[in-house]
Amino acid sequence: MNIIFGNTLESLPSNYITLELDTIKMAQSDQNIIAYCLVEDIPLAEFSKLDTNRTNHKSLIEQYKKQNWQFCLDMIEQLIGAWAGQVDSFYNDLKIRIETLQKHPPGPDWDGTIVK
């Protein structure tokens, strides 16, 4: 898995599988940058699950931004191992983030953006 940022996505051929990961805001800027992963080397056996996995991942990111924690935790369990395990480190990190956010709710204005 490779990580790409923002405008780089537009330069990739449409046959590449890209998944949104996080929205990042640099502290000294008011511009948000979206980080994506470029998934490569998917086993042939997983091709029948590509659309479902892509939809599930998109739903995970959408519901994360809406603070629907239980949905996210359930979806992470379904997605672990997908993409030949290439995105598992992100899913595991997101799970830890969500568990922390459950204990310390971020408030109604939070949108999932990470400030660096």
C-alpha atoms as a PDB file:
ATOM      1  CA  MET A   1       0.000   0.000   0.000  1.00  0.00           C
ATOM      2  CA  ASN A   2       1.225   3.460  -0.875  1.00  0.00           C
ATOM      3  CA  ILE A   3      -0.104   6.707   0.580  1.00  0.00           C
ATOM      4  CA  ILE A   4      -0.915   9.569  -1.768  1.00  0.00           C
ATOM      5  CA  PHE A   5      -2.217  13.040  -1.008  1.00  0.00           C
ATOM      6  CA  GLY A   6      -4.885  15.278  -2.486  1.00  0.00           C
ATOM      7  CA  ASN A   7      -4.289  16.313  -6.076  1.00  0.00           C
ATOM      8  CA  THR A   8      -2.040  13.337  -6.806  1.00  0.00           C
ATOM      9  CA  LEU A   9      -5.189  11.221  -7.031  1.00  0.00           C
ATOM     10  CA  GLU A  10      -6.289  13.032 -10.179  1.00  0.00           C
ATOM     11  CA  SER A  11      -3.155  11.983 -12.056  1.00  0.00           C
ATOM     12  CA  LEU A  12      -3.707   8.247 -11.542  1.00  0.00           C
ATOM     13  CA  PRO A  13      -5.348   6.052 -14.159  1.00  0.00           C
ATOM     14  CA  SER A  14      -8.935   5.128 -13.260  1.00  0.00           C
ATOM     15  CA  ASN A  15      -8.117   1.419 -12.956  1.00  0.00           C
ATOM     16  CA  TYR A  16      -6.148   1.976  -9.722  1.00  0.00           C
ATOM     17  CA  ILE A  17      -7.900   1.223  -6.451  1.00  0.00           C
ATOM     18  CA  THR A  18      -7.675   4.176  -4.102  1.00  0.00           C
ATOM     19  CA  LEU A  19      -9.317   4.462  -0.697  1.00  0.00           C
ATOM     20  CA  GLU A  20      -9.768   7.610   1.340  1.00  0.00           C
ATOM     21  CA  LEU A  21      -8.018   7.395   4.697  1.00  0.00           C
ATOM     22  CA  ASP A  22      -7.903  10.695   6.575  1.00  0.00           C
ATOM     23  CA  THR A  23      -8.429  14.395   6.141  1.00  0.00           C
ATOM     24  CA  ILE A  24      -5.446  16.331   7.467  1.00  0.00           C
ATOM     25  CA  LYS A  25      -5.219  20.027   8.236  1.00  0.00           C
ATOM     26  CA  MET A  26      -1.827  21.576   8.754  1.00  0.00           C
ATOM     27  CA  ALA A  27      -1.876  23.906  11.785  1.00  0.00           C
ATOM     28  CA  GLN A  28      -0.293  26.777   9.851  1.00  0.00           C
ATOM     29  CA  SER A  29      -2.740  26.445   6.935  1.00  0.00           C
ATOM     30  CA  ASP A  30      -6.491  26.534   6.493  1.00  0.00           C
ATOM     31  CA  GLN A  31      -6.353  23.971   3.694  1.00  0.00           C
ATOM     32  CA  ASN A  32      -7.413  20.348   4.220  1.00  0.00           C
ATOM     33  CA  ILE A  33      -5.504  17.571   2.489  1.00  0.00           C
ATOM     34  CA  ILE A  34      -7.048  14.157   1.982  1.00  0.00           C
ATOM     35  CA  ALA A  35      -4.784  11.137   2.331  1.00  0.00           C
ATOM     36  CA  TYR A  36      -5.567   8.092   0.217  1.00  0.00           C
ATOM     37  CA  CYS A  37      -4.026   4.676  -0.022  1.00  0.00           C
ATOM     38  CA  LEU A  38      -3.234   3.076  -3.327  1.00  0.00           C
ATOM     39  CA  VAL A  39      -3.991  -0.630  -3.032  1.00  0.00           C
ATOM     40  CA  GLU A  40      -1.839  -2.888  -5.169  1.00  0.00           C
ATOM     41  CA  ASP A  41      -1.407  -6.611  -5.765  1.00  0.00           C
ATOM     42  CA  ILE A  42      -4.894  -7.817  -4.918  1.00  0.00           C
ATOM     43  CA  PRO A  43      -5.166 -11.613  -5.085  1.00  0.00           C
ATOM     44  CA  LEU A  44      -7.417 -12.943  -7.822  1.00  0.00           C
ATOM     45  CA  ALA A  45      -9.620 -14.629  -5.188  1.00  0.00           C
ATOM     46  CA  GLU A  46     -10.569 -11.176  -3.809  1.00  0.00           C
ATOM     47  CA  PHE A  47     -11.739  -9.702  -7.123  1.00  0.00           C
ATOM     48  CA  SER A  48     -15.342 -10.792  -6.513  1.00  0.00           C
ATOM     49  CA  LYS A  49     -15.328  -8.785  -3.251  1.00  0.00           C
ATOM     50  CA  LEU A  50     -13.820  -5.549  -4.626  1.00  0.00           C
ATOM     51  CA  ASP A  51     -17.066  -3.605  -4.966  1.00  0.00           C
ATOM     52  CA  THR A  52     -18.340  -4.721  -1.557  1.00  0.00           C
ATOM     53  CA  ASN A  53     -15.026  -3.920   0.141  1.00  0.00           C
ATOM     54  CA  ARG A  54     -14.835  -0.536  -1.570  1.00  0.00           C
ATOM     55  CA  THR A  55     -18.410   0.304  -0.503  1.00  0.00           C
ATOM     56  CA  ASN A  56     -17.764  -0.888   3.058  1.00  0.00           C
ATOM     57  CA  HIS A  57     -14.591   1.185   3.313  1.00  0.00           C
ATOM     58  CA  LYS A  58     -16.375   4.284   2.017  1.00  0.00           C
ATOM     59  CA  SER A  59     -19.181   3.751   4.551  1.00  0.00           C
ATOM     60  CA  LEU A  60     -16.608   3.354   7.320  1.00  0.00           C
ATOM     61  CA  ILE A  61     -15.032   6.728   6.534  1.00  0.00           C
ATOM     62  CA  GLU A  62     -18.424   8.444   6.208  1.00  0.00           C
ATOM     63  CA  GLN A  63     -19.690   7.050   9.509  1.00  0.00           C
ATOM     64  CA  TYR A  64     -16.412   7.858  11.273  1.00  0.00           C
ATOM     65  CA  LYS A  65     -16.914  11.513  10.392  1.00  0.00           C
ATOM     66  CA  LYS A  66     -20.467  11.262  11.797  1.00  0.00           C
ATOM     67  CA  GLN A  67     -19.162   9.722  15.064  1.00  0.00           C
ATOM     68  CA  ASN A  68     -21.101   6.492  14.523  1.00  0.00           C
ATOM     69  CA  TRP A  69     -18.538   4.550  16.532  1.00  0.00           C
ATOM     70  CA  GLN A  70     -20.260   1.182  16.820  1.00  0.00           C
ATOM     71  CA  PHE A  71     -20.906   1.023  13.076  1.00  0.00           C
ATOM     72  CA  CYS A  72     -17.226   1.792  12.498  1.00  0.00           C
ATOM     73  CA  LEU A  73     -15.991  -0.868  14.902  1.00  0.00           C
ATOM     74  CA  ASP A  74     -18.275  -3.454  13.301  1.00  0.00           C
ATOM     75  CA  MET A  75     -17.154  -2.445   9.809  1.00  0.00           C
ATOM     76  CA  ILE A  76     -13.478  -2.584  10.785  1.00  0.00           C
ATOM     77  CA  GLU A  77     -14.004  -6.191  11.892  1.00  0.00           C
ATOM     78  CA  GLN A  78     -15.424  -6.968   8.449  1.00  0.00           C
ATOM     79  CA  LEU A  79     -12.647  -5.154   6.584  1.00  0.00           C
ATOM     80  CA  ILE A  80      -9.657  -6.581   8.466  1.00  0.00           C
ATOM     81  CA  GLY A  81      -7.978  -8.928   6.002  1.00  0.00           C
ATOM     82  CA  ALA A  82      -9.570  -7.312   2.955  1.00  0.00           C
ATOM     83  CA  TRP A  83      -7.266  -5.862   0.312  1.00  0.00           C
ATOM     84  CA  ALA A  84      -4.861  -8.753   1.035  1.00  0.00           C
ATOM     85  CA  GLY A  85      -4.295  -7.178   4.462  1.00  0.00           C
ATOM     86  CA  GLN A  86      -2.623  -4.096   2.955  1.00  0.00           C
ATOM     87  CA  VAL A  87      -4.942  -1.668   4.775  1.00  0.00           C
ATOM     88  CA  ASP A  88      -5.025  -3.536   8.107  1.00  0.00           C
ATOM     89  CA  SER A  89      -2.569  -1.184   9.812  1.00  0.00           C
ATOM     90  CA  PHE A  90      -4.915   1.738   9.046  1.00  0.00           C
ATOM     91  CA  TYR A  91      -7.937  -0.222  10.286  1.00  0.00           C
ATOM     92  CA  ASN A  92      -6.132  -1.133  13.506  1.00  0.00           C
ATOM     93  CA  ASP A  93      -5.032   2.469  14.088  1.00  0.00           C
ATOM     94  CA  LEU A  94      -8.551   3.711  13.383  1.00  0.00           C
ATOM     95  CA  LYS A  95      -9.963   1.216  15.869  1.00  0.00           C
ATOM     96  CA  ILE A  96      -7.639   2.559  18.586  1.00  0.00           C
ATOM     97  CA  ARG A  97      -8.619   6.131  17.674  1.00  0.00           C
ATOM     98  CA  ILE A  98     -12.315   5.255  17.892  1.00  0.00           C
ATOM     99  CA  GLU A  99     -11.895   3.567  21.274  1.00  0.00           C
ATOM    100  CA  THR A 100     -10.218   6.734  22.565  1.00  0.00           C
ATOM    101  CA  LEU A 101     -12.954   8.927  21.060  1.00  0.00           C
ATOM    102  CA  GLN A 102     -15.609   6.779  22.728  1.00  0.00           C
ATOM    103  CA  LYS A 103     -14.004   7.494  26.114  1.00  0.00           C
ATOM    104  CA  HIS A 104     -13.420  11.188  25.325  1.00  0.00           C
ATOM    105  CA  PRO A 105     -16.154  12.345  22.896  1.00  0.00           C
ATOM    106  CA  PRO A 106     -14.906  15.090  20.568  1.00  0.00           C
ATOM    107  CA  GLY A 107     -18.050  17.233  20.479  1.00  0.00           C
ATOM    108  CA  PRO A 108     -20.697  17.957  17.853  1.00  0.00           C
ATOM    109  CA  ASP A 109     -18.508  20.133  15.586  1.00  0.00           C
ATOM    110  CA  TRP A 110     -15.834  17.455  15.120  1.00  0.00           C
ATOM    111  CA  ASP A 111     -15.610  16.195  11.540  1.00  0.00           C
ATOM    112  CA  GLY A 112     -12.774  13.702  11.730  1.00  0.00           C
ATOM    113  CA  THR A 113     -10.090  16.073  10.470  1.00  0.00           C
ATOM    114  CA  ILE A 114      -6.655  15.507  11.975  1.00  0.00           C
ATOM    115  CA  VAL A 115      -4.780  18.718  12.779  1.00  0.00           C
ATOM    116  CA  LYS A 116      -1.005  18.456  12.423  1.00  0.00           C
END
